[in-house]
Amino acid sequence: MLRFIGLRLLQAIPVLFTVITATFFLIRQAPGGPFDAEKPVIPAVKRALEAKYNLDLPMWQQYTNYLGDLLRGDMGPSFKYPGWAVHDLIISGLPATAELAFYALMVAIVIGVLAGVSAALKPNTARDYVPMSLAMIGICMPTFLLGPLLVLIFGFWLDWLPISGWGDLPGDKILPSFTLGAAYAAYVARLTRGGMLEIMSQDYIRTARAKGLPEHIVVIKHALRGGLIPTIAFLGPAFAGLLAGSFVVETIFQIPGLGRFYVQAAFNRDYTMILGTTIFLSTLIIVFNLLSDLLATWMNPKLRHQMSHRSGGQS
């Protein structure tokens, strides 16, 4: 197990290096710069600002300086928030973003697992076709369309829920959590259905039924553990994707999270903020992928046996 973790962490190094390099040079190819504004800046002032942030250096030197600072844990200062370091801005916006991602993940798990199990227990019937059709719609509908639609229905027409904010009014976390989690609920439903259909055809499930066990005991005690393995493997990258994909939802519902800084950084060409957020989210994706693989291995006895056998062979 430790060897597996070590190999995955070693593989993450070139991945992060590629992400850093590509992001560093791509954002500098975008039109404009961090000190461009509607009202032109005095050339002398602009040169002084560029010198302060080392933007007057050759590109290769800016790149190597950034890598050196990053190795020391310094993501640099924000160009648009004077006096703020990038890591401080990330820390200040992360709690709201993480909370939104957690609630959205709960929405995805509850709705997706229930729909997937229900569909798998009655394949090729209305209980299968209806939730899977809704799941396909959920996959195809983007958050920037679903969010305003939910705001229109539940915020304006029915006047049931607040349409903006985070923690200011009762129920203001429901619409953004459902908006962000709906698409992932659709993926979870389809993965759960596929996993459960495969498990329900196994011999030990037929044996459990032949012994006269109630159907709910067969499903909950015997089938779910194996049937949810594909879903468990999906949850790690899903949570990282929820963190990274919350930017649109945070903008729609005016949530003070990390997405606010990232969107503003993109508009303002805040190079260090874009780089820092991208590196942070890329690291989270790698970590959560690793955690989901470890959890899926723990739930699958065959994978545990293969991993222990390889470790024993290596020793």
Protein backbone atom coordinates (compact mmCIF):
# COMPACT_ATOMS: atom_id res chain seq x y z
CA MET A 1 0.00 0.00 0.00
CA LEU A 2 2.78 2.44 0.91
CA ARG A 3 4.56 1.61 -2.35
CA PHE A 4 1.34 2.33 -4.27
CA ILE A 5 0.93 5.70 -2.54
CA GLY A 6 4.58 6.57 -3.14
CA LEU A 7 4.33 5.77 -6.86
CA ARG A 8 1.18 7.87 -7.23
CA LEU A 9 2.82 10.81 -5.49
CA LEU A 10 5.87 10.52 -7.74
CA GLN A 11 3.60 10.49 -10.79
CA ALA A 12 1.98 13.70 -9.51
CA ILE A 13 5.24 15.65 -9.80
CA PRO A 14 5.43 15.77 -13.63
CA VAL A 15 1.66 16.37 -13.78
CA LEU A 16 1.90 19.43 -11.54
CA PHE A 17 5.01 20.63 -13.37
CA THR A 18 3.13 20.44 -16.69
CA VAL A 19 0.12 22.28 -15.25
CA ILE A 20 2.32 25.05 -13.80
CA THR A 21 4.31 25.47 -17.01
CA ALA A 22 1.30 25.47 -19.33
CA THR A 23 -0.67 27.87 -17.14
CA PHE A 24 2.28 30.24 -16.67
CA PHE A 25 2.86 30.74 -20.39
CA LEU A 26 -0.77 30.55 -21.57
CA ILE A 27 -2.05 33.33 -19.31
CA ARG A 28 0.70 35.60 -20.61
CA GLN A 29 -0.51 35.05 -24.16
CA ALA A 30 -3.92 36.52 -23.33
CA PRO A 31 -4.52 40.11 -24.52
CA GLY A 32 -3.87 42.84 -21.99
CA GLY A 33 -1.95 42.77 -18.75
CA PRO A 34 -2.48 43.07 -15.00
CA PHE A 35 -1.99 46.84 -15.04
CA ASP A 36 -4.13 47.66 -18.06
CA ALA A 37 -7.35 49.50 -17.30
CA GLU A 38 -10.07 51.51 -19.02
CA LYS A 39 -8.17 54.64 -18.05
CA PRO A 40 -4.60 54.32 -19.36
CA VAL A 41 -1.91 54.17 -16.68
CA ILE A 42 0.90 56.71 -16.88
CA PRO A 43 3.83 54.94 -18.59
CA ALA A 44 6.24 55.74 -15.75
CA VAL A 45 3.82 54.34 -13.19
CA LYS A 46 3.25 51.22 -15.28
CA ARG A 47 7.01 50.63 -15.59
CA ALA A 48 7.39 51.03 -11.84
CA LEU A 49 4.62 48.50 -11.18
CA GLU A 50 6.12 46.01 -13.62
CA ALA A 51 9.52 46.41 -11.99
CA LYS A 52 7.98 45.91 -8.52
CA TYR A 53 6.47 42.57 -9.56
CA ASN A 54 9.45 41.56 -11.77
CA LEU A 55 7.34 41.69 -14.93
CA ASP A 56 10.10 43.66 -16.66
CA LEU A 57 12.37 40.62 -16.61
CA PRO A 58 12.66 38.19 -19.55
CA MET A 59 9.95 35.55 -19.63
CA TRP A 60 12.30 32.67 -18.85
CA GLN A 61 13.62 34.50 -15.80
CA GLN A 62 10.09 35.24 -14.56
CA TYR A 63 9.34 31.53 -14.95
CA THR A 64 12.41 30.30 -13.07
CA ASN A 65 11.87 32.89 -10.31
CA TYR A 66 8.29 31.73 -9.91
CA LEU A 67 9.31 28.09 -9.70
CA GLY A 68 11.91 28.95 -7.07
CA ASP A 69 9.39 30.90 -4.99
CA LEU A 70 6.85 28.09 -5.36
CA LEU A 71 9.32 25.51 -4.05
CA ARG A 72 9.67 27.69 -0.96
CA GLY A 73 5.86 27.75 -0.53
CA ASP A 74 5.44 31.31 -1.81
CA MET A 75 2.74 31.76 -4.48
CA GLY A 76 3.51 35.44 -4.76
CA PRO A 77 1.48 38.60 -4.15
CA SER A 78 -1.80 39.35 -5.85
CA PHE A 79 -1.57 42.06 -8.50
CA LYS A 80 -5.13 43.28 -7.87
CA TYR A 81 -5.32 43.01 -4.07
CA PRO A 82 -2.41 45.08 -2.74
CA GLY A 83 -1.00 43.75 0.50
CA TRP A 84 -2.55 40.30 0.01
CA ALA A 85 -0.60 37.16 -0.78
CA VAL A 86 -2.18 34.61 -3.09
CA HIS A 87 -2.22 31.86 -0.45
CA ASP A 88 -4.03 34.22 1.97
CA LEU A 89 -6.76 34.89 -0.60
CA ILE A 90 -7.12 31.15 -1.27
CA ILE A 91 -7.43 30.44 2.46
CA SER A 92 -10.03 33.19 2.91
CA GLY A 93 -12.23 31.94 0.07
CA LEU A 94 -11.78 28.19 0.55
CA PRO A 95 -14.24 27.62 3.48
CA ALA A 96 -17.32 28.76 1.55
CA THR A 97 -16.24 26.89 -1.58
CA ALA A 98 -15.49 23.69 0.37
CA GLU A 99 -18.81 23.89 2.21
CA LEU A 100 -20.69 24.35 -1.07
CA ALA A 101 -18.82 21.40 -2.61
CA PHE A 102 -19.60 19.22 0.42
CA TYR A 103 -23.33 19.97 0.32
CA ALA A 104 -23.38 19.42 -3.45
CA LEU A 105 -21.62 16.07 -2.97
CA MET A 106 -24.25 15.05 -0.40
CA VAL A 107 -26.97 15.97 -2.91
CA ALA A 108 -25.21 13.90 -5.57
CA ILE A 109 -24.75 10.87 -3.31
CA VAL A 110 -28.25 10.78 -1.83
CA ILE A 111 -30.16 11.40 -5.05
CA GLY A 112 -27.77 9.45 -7.27
CA VAL A 113 -27.50 6.32 -5.11
CA LEU A 114 -31.25 6.13 -4.47
CA ALA A 115 -32.04 6.59 -8.16
CA GLY A 116 -29.36 4.13 -9.28
CA VAL A 117 -30.37 1.40 -6.83
CA SER A 118 -34.04 1.82 -7.64
CA ALA A 119 -33.32 1.55 -11.36
CA ALA A 120 -31.09 -1.51 -10.92
CA LEU A 121 -33.68 -3.41 -8.90
CA LYS A 122 -36.29 -3.04 -11.65
CA PRO A 123 -34.32 -2.94 -14.92
CA ASN A 124 -36.13 -2.18 -18.18
CA THR A 125 -39.21 -0.87 -16.38
CA ALA A 126 -40.55 2.59 -15.64
CA ARG A 127 -38.52 2.61 -12.40
CA ASP A 128 -35.45 2.27 -14.59
CA TYR A 129 -36.32 4.45 -17.57
CA VAL A 130 -37.58 7.50 -15.66
CA PRO A 131 -34.59 8.12 -13.33
CA MET A 132 -32.06 7.28 -16.05
CA SER A 133 -33.77 9.68 -18.47
CA LEU A 134 -33.66 12.39 -15.80
CA ALA A 135 -30.01 11.52 -15.20
CA MET A 136 -29.23 12.04 -18.88
CA ILE A 137 -30.96 15.42 -18.76
CA GLY A 138 -28.97 16.31 -15.65
CA ILE A 139 -25.69 15.41 -17.37
CA CYS A 140 -26.55 17.50 -20.43
CA MET A 141 -27.83 20.60 -18.56
CA PRO A 142 -25.01 23.01 -17.60
CA THR A 143 -25.01 24.78 -14.25
CA PHE A 144 -25.23 28.22 -15.86
CA LEU A 145 -28.62 27.17 -17.26
CA LEU A 146 -29.92 25.12 -14.32
CA GLY A 147 -29.03 27.79 -11.73
CA PRO A 148 -31.06 30.65 -13.26
CA LEU A 149 -33.90 28.22 -13.98
CA LEU A 150 -34.10 27.18 -10.32
CA VAL A 151 -33.86 30.83 -9.26
CA LEU A 152 -36.74 31.69 -11.56
CA ILE A 153 -38.96 28.84 -10.31
CA PHE A 154 -38.18 28.68 -6.58
CA GLY A 155 -36.99 32.23 -6.04
CA PHE A 156 -39.38 34.34 -8.10
CA TRP A 157 -42.41 32.31 -9.11
CA LEU A 158 -42.91 30.30 -5.92
CA ASP A 159 -40.92 32.63 -3.61
CA TRP A 160 -39.81 29.68 -1.46
CA LEU A 161 -36.04 30.14 -1.28
CA PRO A 162 -33.49 32.98 -1.24
CA ILE A 163 -31.71 33.55 -4.55
CA SER A 164 -28.33 34.80 -3.30
CA GLY A 165 -25.97 34.83 -0.32
CA TRP A 166 -24.39 32.14 1.79
CA GLY A 167 -25.47 31.67 5.39
CA ASP A 168 -27.24 35.02 5.60
CA LEU A 169 -30.84 33.79 5.21
CA PRO A 170 -32.54 30.46 6.05
CA GLY A 171 -32.43 28.13 3.07
CA ASP A 172 -29.99 30.19 1.00
CA LYS A 173 -27.67 27.17 0.63
CA ILE A 174 -30.29 24.89 -0.96
CA LEU A 175 -30.44 26.24 -4.50
CA PRO A 176 -26.67 26.56 -5.07
CA SER A 177 -26.04 23.11 -3.54
CA PHE A 178 -28.63 21.48 -5.77
CA THR A 179 -27.46 23.42 -8.83
CA LEU A 180 -23.89 22.25 -8.38
CA GLY A 181 -24.74 18.70 -7.32
CA ALA A 182 -27.40 17.88 -9.93
CA ALA A 183 -25.02 16.89 -12.73
CA TYR A 184 -22.92 14.78 -10.37
CA ALA A 185 -26.08 13.13 -9.04
CA ALA A 186 -26.78 12.06 -12.61
CA TYR A 187 -23.32 10.51 -12.96
CA VAL A 188 -23.64 8.77 -9.59
CA ALA A 189 -27.04 7.37 -10.59
CA ARG A 190 -25.70 5.83 -13.78
CA LEU A 191 -22.58 4.44 -12.09
CA THR A 192 -24.63 2.99 -9.23
CA ARG A 193 -27.08 1.39 -11.63
CA GLY A 194 -24.28 -0.24 -13.64
CA GLY A 195 -22.46 -1.47 -10.55
CA MET A 196 -25.60 -2.84 -8.92
CA LEU A 197 -26.72 -4.64 -12.10
CA GLU A 198 -23.38 -6.41 -12.26
CA ILE A 199 -23.43 -7.39 -8.58
CA MET A 200 -27.05 -8.51 -8.56
CA SER A 201 -26.23 -11.15 -11.19
CA GLN A 202 -23.47 -12.72 -9.05
CA ASP A 203 -23.81 -16.22 -7.62
CA TYR A 204 -23.57 -15.13 -3.97
CA ILE A 205 -26.58 -12.83 -4.46
CA ARG A 206 -28.62 -15.71 -5.86
CA THR A 207 -27.46 -17.84 -2.93
CA ALA A 208 -28.58 -15.19 -0.44
CA ARG A 209 -32.00 -15.05 -2.09
CA ALA A 210 -32.23 -18.83 -2.16
CA LYS A 211 -31.70 -18.85 1.61
CA GLY A 212 -34.85 -16.81 1.97
CA LEU A 213 -33.27 -13.53 3.05
CA PRO A 214 -35.53 -10.49 2.63
CA GLU A 215 -34.77 -8.43 -0.46
CA HIS A 216 -33.77 -5.34 1.51
CA ILE A 217 -31.21 -7.41 3.47
CA VAL A 218 -29.80 -8.82 0.23
CA VAL A 219 -29.48 -5.35 -1.26
CA ILE A 220 -28.17 -3.46 1.77
CA LYS A 221 -25.94 -6.10 3.35
CA HIS A 222 -24.65 -8.01 0.33
CA ALA A 223 -25.07 -6.02 -2.88
CA LEU A 224 -24.39 -2.42 -1.96
CA ARG A 225 -20.77 -2.86 -0.90
CA GLY A 226 -19.74 -4.26 -4.26
CA GLY A 227 -22.25 -2.30 -6.32
CA LEU A 228 -21.02 1.05 -5.02
CA ILE A 229 -17.34 0.49 -5.86
CA PRO A 230 -17.59 2.40 -9.20
CA THR A 231 -19.39 5.20 -7.37
CA ILE A 232 -16.78 5.33 -4.61
CA ALA A 233 -14.00 5.53 -7.19
CA PHE A 234 -15.84 8.48 -8.76
CA LEU A 235 -16.32 10.46 -5.53
CA GLY A 236 -12.71 11.60 -5.17
CA PRO A 237 -12.40 13.31 -8.54
CA ALA A 238 -16.05 14.39 -8.19
CA PHE A 239 -15.34 16.36 -5.01
CA ALA A 240 -12.29 17.97 -6.61
CA GLY A 241 -14.41 18.73 -9.65
CA LEU A 242 -17.08 20.28 -7.44
CA LEU A 243 -14.46 22.55 -5.90
CA ALA A 244 -13.17 23.56 -9.32
CA GLY A 245 -16.61 23.80 -10.90
CA SER A 246 -18.20 25.93 -8.21
CA PHE A 247 -17.03 29.17 -9.83
CA VAL A 248 -20.09 29.57 -12.05
CA VAL A 249 -22.47 28.71 -9.20
CA GLU A 250 -20.71 31.09 -6.82
CA THR A 251 -21.05 33.86 -9.40
CA ILE A 252 -24.75 33.15 -10.00
CA PHE A 253 -25.67 33.06 -6.30
CA GLN A 254 -23.14 35.66 -5.09
CA ILE A 255 -21.29 33.26 -2.78
CA PRO A 256 -18.10 34.67 -1.20
CA GLY A 257 -15.90 31.72 -2.10
CA LEU A 258 -12.73 30.96 -4.00
CA GLY A 259 -14.54 31.23 -7.31
CA ARG A 260 -15.02 34.96 -6.80
CA PHE A 261 -11.26 35.53 -6.70
CA TYR A 262 -10.62 33.21 -9.63
CA VAL A 263 -13.19 34.83 -11.91
CA GLN A 264 -12.00 38.32 -11.03
CA ALA A 265 -8.40 37.22 -11.50
CA ALA A 266 -9.22 36.01 -15.02
CA PHE A 267 -10.85 39.32 -15.92
CA ASN A 268 -8.06 41.37 -14.32
CA ARG A 269 -5.14 39.26 -15.65
CA ASP A 270 -4.01 38.67 -12.08
CA TYR A 271 -1.30 36.20 -13.11
CA THR A 272 -0.25 35.03 -9.68
CA MET A 273 -3.84 34.50 -8.50
CA ILE A 274 -4.72 32.48 -11.58
CA LEU A 275 -1.58 30.39 -11.19
CA GLY A 276 -2.02 29.87 -7.45
CA THR A 277 -5.66 28.82 -7.73
CA THR A 278 -4.95 26.49 -10.66
CA ILE A 279 -2.06 24.82 -8.80
CA PHE A 280 -4.15 24.49 -5.63
CA LEU A 281 -7.09 22.90 -7.45
CA SER A 282 -4.82 20.60 -9.47
CA THR A 283 -3.24 19.38 -6.24
CA LEU A 284 -6.68 18.72 -4.77
CA ILE A 285 -7.68 16.69 -7.83
CA ILE A 286 -4.55 14.53 -7.47
CA VAL A 287 -5.08 14.03 -3.73
CA PHE A 288 -8.78 13.17 -4.00
CA ASN A 289 -8.12 10.79 -6.89
CA LEU A 290 -5.62 8.99 -4.70
CA LEU A 291 -8.01 8.86 -1.74
CA SER A 292 -10.86 7.51 -3.87
CA ASP A 293 -8.59 4.79 -5.30
CA LEU A 294 -7.52 3.78 -1.79
CA LEU A 295 -11.14 3.66 -0.61
CA ALA A 296 -12.23 1.63 -3.64
CA THR A 297 -9.34 -0.79 -3.01
CA TRP A 298 -10.34 -1.16 0.63
CA MET A 299 -13.93 -2.00 -0.38
CA ASN A 300 -12.84 -4.55 -3.00
CA PRO A 301 -11.32 -7.72 -1.45
CA LYS A 302 -9.81 -8.78 -4.80
CA LEU A 303 -7.88 -5.53 -5.19
CA ARG A 304 -6.74 -5.70 -1.55
CA HIS A 305 -5.44 -9.22 -2.10
CA GLN A 306 -3.65 -8.27 -5.33
CA MET A 307 -2.03 -5.25 -3.69
CA SER A 308 -0.90 -7.22 -0.62
CA HIS A 309 0.43 -9.98 -2.89
CA ARG A 310 2.47 -7.48 -4.93
CA SER A 311 3.80 -5.88 -1.77
CA GLY A 312 4.81 -9.29 -0.45
CA GLY A 313 6.49 -10.14 -3.75
CA GLN A 314 8.44 -6.89 -3.71
CA SER A 315 9.61 -7.47 -0.15
